[in-house]
């Protein structure tokens, strides 16, 4: 995507374009919590996400250097995901989002 022509140097647009999508923030959070997680475990924790959607989101996160994909050539095949150093820079934002959600949930359950 050509950011300069369409949106200049807008940092907010750039950030949102890298992590946009219904599942990316949750995927990053689950990988952060686990540190290293296998594909099937991640899929299980993100139900009702479709395999196609998860695969697409993981490929985009990897292309943006936010996660690392390690494939082990064995039978059956084993693939693990972890955050890259760049991905780890999002952890403070993830924690703030978690805390905000936790506060909002407790407010709504008390009503």
C-alpha atoms as a PDB file:
ATOM      1  CA  UNK A   1       0.000   0.000   0.000  1.00  0.00           C
ATOM      2  CA  UNK A   2       1.331   3.441  -0.866  1.00  0.00           C
ATOM      3  CA  UNK A   3       0.841   5.415   2.355  1.00  0.00           C
ATOM      4  CA  UNK A   4       2.511   8.611   1.234  1.00  0.00           C
ATOM      5  CA  UNK A   5       0.257   9.257  -1.752  1.00  0.00           C
ATOM      6  CA  UNK A   6      -3.019   8.500  -0.002  1.00  0.00           C
ATOM      7  CA  UNK A   7      -2.542   9.599   3.612  1.00  0.00           C
ATOM      8  CA  UNK A   8       0.779  11.399   3.788  1.00  0.00           C
ATOM      9  CA  UNK A   9       2.780  10.394   6.816  1.00  0.00           C
ATOM     10  CA  UNK A  10      -0.136   9.811   9.213  1.00  0.00           C
ATOM     11  CA  UNK A  11       1.151   7.536  12.006  1.00  0.00           C
ATOM     12  CA  UNK A  12      -2.373   6.607  13.133  1.00  0.00           C
ATOM     13  CA  UNK A  13      -3.374   5.455   9.664  1.00  0.00           C
ATOM     14  CA  UNK A  14      -0.171   3.457   9.320  1.00  0.00           C
ATOM     15  CA  UNK A  15      -0.697   1.751  12.696  1.00  0.00           C
ATOM     16  CA  UNK A  16      -4.320   0.913  11.969  1.00  0.00           C
ATOM     17  CA  UNK A  17      -3.477  -0.416   8.504  1.00  0.00           C
ATOM     18  CA  UNK A  18      -0.949  -2.843  10.017  1.00  0.00           C
ATOM     19  CA  UNK A  19      -3.231  -4.175  12.763  1.00  0.00           C
ATOM     20  CA  UNK A  20      -6.685  -3.662  11.268  1.00  0.00           C
ATOM     21  CA  UNK A  21      -9.129  -6.512  11.207  1.00  0.00           C
ATOM     22  CA  UNK A  22     -11.481  -8.201  13.604  1.00  0.00           C
ATOM     23  CA  UNK A  23      -8.968 -10.751  14.860  1.00  0.00           C
ATOM     24  CA  UNK A  24      -5.446  -9.281  14.741  1.00  0.00           C
ATOM     25  CA  UNK A  25      -5.414  -7.674  18.192  1.00  0.00           C
ATOM     26  CA  UNK A  26      -6.795 -10.835  19.793  1.00  0.00           C
ATOM     27  CA  UNK A  27      -4.294 -13.000  17.889  1.00  0.00           C
ATOM     28  CA  UNK A  28      -1.440 -10.796  19.118  1.00  0.00           C
ATOM     29  CA  UNK A  29      -2.795 -10.983  22.686  1.00  0.00           C
ATOM     30  CA  UNK A  30      -3.078 -14.794  22.611  1.00  0.00           C
ATOM     31  CA  UNK A  31       0.458 -15.141  21.234  1.00  0.00           C
ATOM     32  CA  UNK A  32       1.712 -12.716  23.885  1.00  0.00           C
ATOM     33  CA  UNK A  33      -0.004 -14.694  26.667  1.00  0.00           C
ATOM     34  CA  UNK A  34       1.405 -18.013  25.451  1.00  0.00           C
ATOM     35  CA  UNK A  35       4.812 -16.651  24.316  1.00  0.00           C
ATOM     36  CA  UNK A  36       4.945 -19.535  21.815  1.00  0.00           C
ATOM     37  CA  UNK A  37       1.765 -21.128  20.520  1.00  0.00           C
ATOM     38  CA  UNK A  38       0.991 -23.806  17.962  1.00  0.00           C
ATOM     39  CA  UNK A  39      -1.495 -23.143  15.187  1.00  0.00           C
ATOM     40  CA  UNK A  40      -4.122 -25.623  16.400  1.00  0.00           C
ATOM     41  CA  UNK A  41      -4.030 -24.289  19.967  1.00  0.00           C
ATOM     42  CA  UNK A  42      -4.408 -20.723  18.678  1.00  0.00           C
ATOM     43  CA  UNK A  43      -7.326 -21.761  16.478  1.00  0.00           C
ATOM     44  CA  UNK A  44      -8.962 -23.528  19.415  1.00  0.00           C
ATOM     45  CA  UNK A  45      -8.659 -20.440  21.632  1.00  0.00           C
ATOM     46  CA  UNK A  46     -10.109 -18.153  18.965  1.00  0.00           C
ATOM     47  CA  UNK A  47     -13.328 -20.014  18.217  1.00  0.00           C
ATOM     48  CA  UNK A  48     -15.418 -19.323  16.138  1.00  0.00           C
ATOM     49  CA  UNK A  49     -12.637 -18.064  13.797  1.00  0.00           C
ATOM     50  CA  UNK A  50     -12.452 -19.884  10.461  1.00  0.00           C
ATOM     51  CA  UNK A  51      -9.180 -21.578   9.474  1.00  0.00           C
ATOM     52  CA  UNK A  52      -9.012 -19.433   6.338  1.00  0.00           C
ATOM     53  CA  UNK A  53      -9.415 -16.218   8.345  1.00  0.00           C
ATOM     54  CA  UNK A  54      -6.829 -17.222  10.945  1.00  0.00           C
ATOM     55  CA  UNK A  55      -4.357 -18.241   8.267  1.00  0.00           C
ATOM     56  CA  UNK A  56      -4.825 -14.943   6.400  1.00  0.00           C
ATOM     57  CA  UNK A  57      -4.451 -12.840   9.560  1.00  0.00           C
ATOM     58  CA  UNK A  58      -1.317 -14.751  10.601  1.00  0.00           C
ATOM     59  CA  UNK A  59       0.251 -14.279   7.159  1.00  0.00           C
ATOM     60  CA  UNK A  60      -0.431 -10.537   7.292  1.00  0.00           C
ATOM     61  CA  UNK A  61       0.989 -10.217  10.811  1.00  0.00           C
ATOM     62  CA  UNK A  62       4.073 -12.144   9.711  1.00  0.00           C
ATOM     63  CA  UNK A  63       4.450  -9.973   6.585  1.00  0.00           C
ATOM     64  CA  UNK A  64       4.365  -6.902   8.849  1.00  0.00           C
ATOM     65  CA  UNK A  65       7.081  -8.431  11.051  1.00  0.00           C
ATOM     66  CA  UNK A  66       4.871  -8.571  14.140  1.00  0.00           C
ATOM     67  CA  UNK A  67       4.950 -12.350  14.566  1.00  0.00           C
ATOM     68  CA  UNK A  68       7.448 -15.077  13.802  1.00  0.00           C
ATOM     69  CA  UNK A  69       6.374 -18.369  12.233  1.00  0.00           C
ATOM     70  CA  UNK A  70       8.530 -21.417  12.917  1.00  0.00           C
ATOM     71  CA  UNK A  71       7.802 -24.526  10.877  1.00  0.00           C
ATOM     72  CA  UNK A  72       9.234 -27.872  11.900  1.00  0.00           C
ATOM     73  CA  UNK A  73       9.518 -30.394   9.084  1.00  0.00           C
ATOM     74  CA  UNK A  74       8.274 -33.470  10.851  1.00  0.00           C
ATOM     75  CA  UNK A  75       5.274 -35.758  10.671  1.00  0.00           C
ATOM     76  CA  UNK A  76       2.761 -34.486  11.538  1.00  0.00           C
ATOM     77  CA  UNK A  77       3.894 -30.946  10.617  1.00  0.00           C
ATOM     78  CA  UNK A  78       4.333 -28.554  13.517  1.00  0.00           C
ATOM     79  CA  UNK A  79       4.055 -24.753  13.258  1.00  0.00           C
ATOM     80  CA  UNK A  80       4.619 -22.367  16.161  1.00  0.00           C
ATOM     81  CA  UNK A  81       4.055 -18.626  16.421  1.00  0.00           C
ATOM     82  CA  UNK A  82       5.686 -16.046  18.661  1.00  0.00           C
ATOM     83  CA  UNK A  83       5.945 -12.268  18.764  1.00  0.00           C
ATOM     84  CA  UNK A  84       8.911 -10.625  17.093  1.00  0.00           C
ATOM     85  CA  UNK A  85      10.788  -7.832  18.854  1.00  0.00           C
ATOM     86  CA  UNK A  86       8.701  -5.384  16.823  1.00  0.00           C
ATOM     87  CA  UNK A  87       5.524  -7.228  17.805  1.00  0.00           C
ATOM     88  CA  UNK A  88       6.522  -7.013  21.450  1.00  0.00           C
ATOM     89  CA  UNK A  89       6.466  -3.216  21.196  1.00  0.00           C
ATOM     90  CA  UNK A  90       2.650  -3.520  20.975  1.00  0.00           C
ATOM     91  CA  UNK A  91       2.408  -5.237  24.385  1.00  0.00           C
ATOM     92  CA  UNK A  92       1.787  -1.974  26.313  1.00  0.00           C
ATOM     93  CA  UNK A  93      -1.112  -1.169  23.965  1.00  0.00           C
ATOM     94  CA  UNK A  94      -2.461  -4.709  24.346  1.00  0.00           C
ATOM     95  CA  UNK A  95      -2.317  -4.398  28.137  1.00  0.00           C
ATOM     96  CA  UNK A  96      -4.173  -1.070  28.033  1.00  0.00           C
ATOM     97  CA  UNK A  97      -6.848  -2.577  25.774  1.00  0.00           C
ATOM     98  CA  UNK A  98      -7.182  -5.558  28.133  1.00  0.00           C
ATOM     99  CA  UNK A  99      -7.464  -3.303  31.192  1.00  0.00           C
ATOM    100  CA  UNK A 100     -10.029  -1.071  29.492  1.00  0.00           C
ATOM    101  CA  UNK A 101     -12.123  -4.099  28.523  1.00  0.00           C
ATOM    102  CA  UNK A 102     -11.835  -5.565  32.002  1.00  0.00           C
ATOM    103  CA  UNK A 103     -13.085  -2.297  33.538  1.00  0.00           C
ATOM    104  CA  UNK A 104     -15.950  -1.984  31.073  1.00  0.00           C
ATOM    105  CA  UNK A 105     -17.014  -5.594  31.570  1.00  0.00           C
ATOM    106  CA  UNK A 106     -17.091  -5.198  35.346  1.00  0.00           C
ATOM    107  CA  UNK A 107     -19.195  -2.018  35.000  1.00  0.00           C
ATOM    108  CA  UNK A 108     -21.691  -3.748  32.727  1.00  0.00           C
ATOM    109  CA  UNK A 109     -21.967  -6.881  34.861  1.00  0.00           C
ATOM    110  CA  UNK A 110     -22.694  -4.774  37.959  1.00  0.00           C
ATOM    111  CA  UNK A 111     -25.652  -3.015  36.337  1.00  0.00           C
END
